[in-house]
Amino acid sequence: MKDAGRVGARTPPPMPSGLDELAGSVLLPRELVEQLRSLVTASEVPFSDLVDLTLERLGGVIPPWPLLDAWNRWCFERRLDFFVWHPGAQAPSDRQRLEVLVHTLVALAVKERSAATYARSRVSDAEVVMAGDDCPICSEHRHHVVSATGTAADALPPFHPGCRCRLVPHLV
């Protein structure tokens, strides 16, 4: 997927497979990503409050996220507009970028926590479940049963910025 972020590329830009990769793609120190992970996974506050708390932890500075801009371009070129992703000719606003970043932090933290829980519970397979969105990216993964351990990162959600897909145990 070398050309994934380039305008005109056929495949979508690759999503970070975990929080380490996210830290590198957003140009944030790992320690800060860990603080944000703790904040989002332990929090019971509404999402908008979580975004505000994250902004506070970032010292009011919203970091650039080139991957989000690449997704925006890729979707805009293909006229992909769906429930959680509305690409535009311009890059997302600072607030939109922060909201998508926090959402992605939450999704990746859930993915890591689910994988650990499945391993402890000896659940070997999981099913990709969509949130009900009419999303052309996610629909390619609808009801896929994947190995809960050792699966390639691109087979597990999140599949795009703002992705609301999750894994559930696949019990036969």
Protein backbone atom coordinates (compact mmCIF):
# COMPACT_ATOMS: atom_id res chain seq x y z
CA MET A 1 0.00 0.00 0.00
CA LYS A 2 2.86 2.32 -0.75
CA ASP A 3 0.70 4.75 -2.75
CA ALA A 4 -2.25 4.66 -0.34
CA GLY A 5 -1.93 8.27 0.84
CA ARG A 6 -1.27 9.64 -2.64
CA VAL A 7 -4.07 11.32 -4.54
CA GLY A 8 -5.54 8.87 -7.05
CA ALA A 9 -4.45 5.76 -5.17
CA ARG A 10 -6.83 2.82 -5.51
CA THR A 11 -6.51 1.43 -2.00
CA PRO A 12 -7.49 3.46 1.04
CA PRO A 13 -4.78 4.81 3.32
CA PRO A 14 -3.81 2.19 5.92
CA MET A 15 -5.23 2.69 9.39
CA PRO A 16 -2.97 2.40 12.44
CA SER A 17 -3.13 -1.14 13.82
CA GLY A 18 -2.61 -0.06 17.41
CA LEU A 19 -1.84 2.82 19.71
CA ASP A 20 1.91 2.70 18.99
CA GLU A 21 1.27 3.18 15.29
CA LEU A 22 -1.27 5.91 16.02
CA ALA A 23 1.30 7.76 18.13
CA GLY A 24 3.69 7.77 15.18
CA SER A 25 1.07 8.84 12.65
CA VAL A 26 -0.13 11.78 14.76
CA LEU A 27 3.36 12.77 15.82
CA LEU A 28 2.58 12.47 19.54
CA PRO A 29 4.92 11.15 22.20
CA ARG A 30 4.01 7.62 23.31
CA GLU A 31 3.65 8.82 26.92
CA LEU A 32 0.95 11.26 25.87
CA VAL A 33 -0.87 8.56 23.90
CA GLU A 34 -0.76 6.37 27.03
CA GLN A 35 -2.22 9.22 29.09
CA LEU A 36 -4.95 9.72 26.51
CA ARG A 37 -5.63 5.97 26.37
CA SER A 38 -6.07 5.92 30.14
CA LEU A 39 -8.36 8.91 29.91
CA VAL A 40 -10.59 7.46 27.20
CA THR A 41 -10.78 3.91 28.55
CA ALA A 42 -11.50 4.89 32.16
CA SER A 43 -13.92 7.66 31.34
CA GLU A 44 -17.68 7.60 31.69
CA VAL A 45 -18.08 11.18 30.47
CA PRO A 46 -19.93 12.11 27.27
CA PHE A 47 -17.84 12.08 24.09
CA SER A 48 -17.80 15.89 23.72
CA ASP A 49 -16.45 16.22 27.28
CA LEU A 50 -13.85 13.58 26.48
CA VAL A 51 -12.75 15.61 23.46
CA ASP A 52 -12.46 18.72 25.65
CA LEU A 53 -10.44 16.80 28.27
CA THR A 54 -8.14 15.53 25.52
CA LEU A 55 -7.64 19.06 24.22
CA GLU A 56 -6.73 20.11 27.75
CA ARG A 57 -4.16 17.26 27.99
CA LEU A 58 -2.73 18.37 24.66
CA GLY A 59 -2.19 21.84 26.09
CA GLY A 60 -4.72 23.35 23.67
CA VAL A 61 -2.65 22.35 20.63
CA ILE A 62 -4.27 19.94 18.19
CA PRO A 63 -1.53 17.97 16.44
CA PRO A 64 -1.44 17.51 12.68
CA TRP A 65 -2.57 14.11 11.49
CA PRO A 66 -1.44 13.61 7.88
CA LEU A 67 -3.22 10.24 7.70
CA LEU A 68 -6.57 11.92 8.34
CA ASP A 69 -5.88 14.38 5.53
CA ALA A 70 -5.01 11.44 3.24
CA TRP A 71 -8.31 9.74 4.13
CA ASN A 72 -10.18 12.96 3.50
CA ARG A 73 -8.62 13.31 0.02
CA TRP A 74 -9.15 9.62 -0.81
CA CYS A 75 -12.83 9.70 0.19
CA PHE A 76 -13.45 13.07 -1.46
CA GLU A 77 -12.06 11.82 -4.79
CA ARG A 78 -14.41 8.84 -4.66
CA ARG A 79 -17.39 10.87 -3.42
CA LEU A 80 -17.65 8.61 -0.39
CA ASP A 81 -19.87 10.33 2.11
CA PHE A 82 -21.41 8.25 4.85
CA PHE A 83 -22.74 8.56 8.37
CA VAL A 84 -19.49 9.26 10.23
CA TRP A 85 -17.33 10.54 7.41
CA HIS A 86 -18.18 13.57 5.34
CA PRO A 87 -15.09 14.47 3.31
CA GLY A 88 -14.66 17.93 1.89
CA ALA A 89 -12.39 19.73 -0.53
CA GLN A 90 -10.66 21.29 2.49
CA ALA A 91 -8.90 19.43 5.28
CA PRO A 92 -11.04 18.83 8.38
CA SER A 93 -11.21 21.66 10.92
CA ASP A 94 -9.09 21.44 14.07
CA ARG A 95 -12.13 20.38 16.14
CA GLN A 96 -13.14 17.71 13.60
CA ARG A 97 -9.57 16.40 13.51
CA LEU A 98 -9.49 16.20 17.31
CA GLU A 99 -12.87 14.45 17.47
CA VAL A 100 -11.76 11.84 14.93
CA LEU A 101 -8.46 11.40 16.77
CA VAL A 102 -10.24 10.78 20.09
CA HIS A 103 -12.69 8.42 18.41
CA THR A 104 -9.78 6.51 16.87
CA LEU A 105 -8.00 6.35 20.24
CA VAL A 106 -11.14 4.86 21.74
CA ALA A 107 -11.56 2.36 18.87
CA LEU A 108 -7.93 1.21 19.08
CA ALA A 109 -8.06 0.93 22.88
CA VAL A 110 -11.24 -1.18 22.59
CA LYS A 111 -9.55 -3.34 19.95
CA GLU A 112 -6.52 -3.95 22.18
CA ARG A 113 -8.69 -4.62 25.24
CA SER A 114 -10.93 -7.02 23.27
CA ALA A 115 -7.95 -8.96 21.95
CA ALA A 116 -6.57 -9.34 25.48
CA THR A 117 -9.96 -10.41 26.84
CA TYR A 118 -10.45 -12.93 24.04
CA ALA A 119 -7.01 -14.40 24.67
CA ARG A 120 -7.69 -14.76 28.43
CA SER A 121 -11.11 -16.29 27.71
CA ARG A 122 -9.74 -18.62 25.03
CA VAL A 123 -12.04 -17.17 22.39
CA SER A 124 -10.38 -18.06 19.11
CA ASP A 125 -12.65 -16.31 16.59
CA ALA A 126 -14.39 -12.95 16.45
CA GLU A 127 -16.95 -11.46 14.10
CA VAL A 128 -16.85 -7.94 12.68
CA VAL A 129 -20.07 -6.14 13.53
CA MET A 130 -21.05 -2.85 11.92
CA ALA A 131 -22.71 -0.06 13.87
CA GLY A 132 -25.56 0.15 11.39
CA ASP A 133 -23.95 2.79 9.22
CA ASP A 134 -24.26 2.56 5.47
CA CYS A 135 -20.49 2.65 5.11
CA PRO A 136 -18.92 1.43 1.85
CA ILE A 137 -15.56 0.82 3.57
CA CYS A 138 -16.96 -1.23 6.45
CA SER A 139 -19.47 -3.16 4.37
CA GLU A 140 -16.54 -5.08 2.83
CA HIS A 141 -15.89 -6.51 6.31
CA ARG A 142 -19.51 -7.08 7.41
CA HIS A 143 -19.91 -10.39 9.29
CA HIS A 144 -16.35 -11.52 8.56
CA VAL A 145 -15.18 -14.06 11.08
CA VAL A 146 -11.53 -13.49 11.91
CA SER A 147 -9.03 -15.10 14.20
CA ALA A 148 -9.05 -13.27 17.52
CA THR A 149 -5.31 -13.92 17.79
CA GLY A 150 -2.72 -13.38 15.12
CA THR A 151 -5.00 -11.73 12.58
CA ALA A 152 -3.59 -9.15 10.19
CA ALA A 153 -4.35 -5.65 11.43
CA ASP A 154 -6.30 -4.65 8.31
CA ALA A 155 -8.86 -7.41 9.04
CA LEU A 156 -9.77 -5.77 12.36
CA PRO A 157 -11.63 -2.50 12.99
CA PRO A 158 -11.23 0.43 12.90
CA PHE A 159 -11.20 0.42 9.10
CA HIS A 160 -11.26 4.20 8.63
CA PRO A 161 -11.28 7.38 10.73
CA GLY A 162 -14.54 7.51 12.64
CA CYS A 163 -15.16 3.76 12.19
CA ARG A 164 -17.69 2.40 14.66
CA CYS A 165 -17.30 -1.30 13.81
CA ARG A 166 -16.45 -3.67 16.64
CA LEU A 167 -15.49 -7.27 17.21
CA VAL A 168 -17.75 -9.67 19.07
CA PRO A 169 -16.89 -13.23 20.04
CA HIS A 170 -17.89 -15.74 17.39
CA LEU A 171 -19.24 -18.69 19.30
CA VAL A 172 -20.27 -21.77 17.39
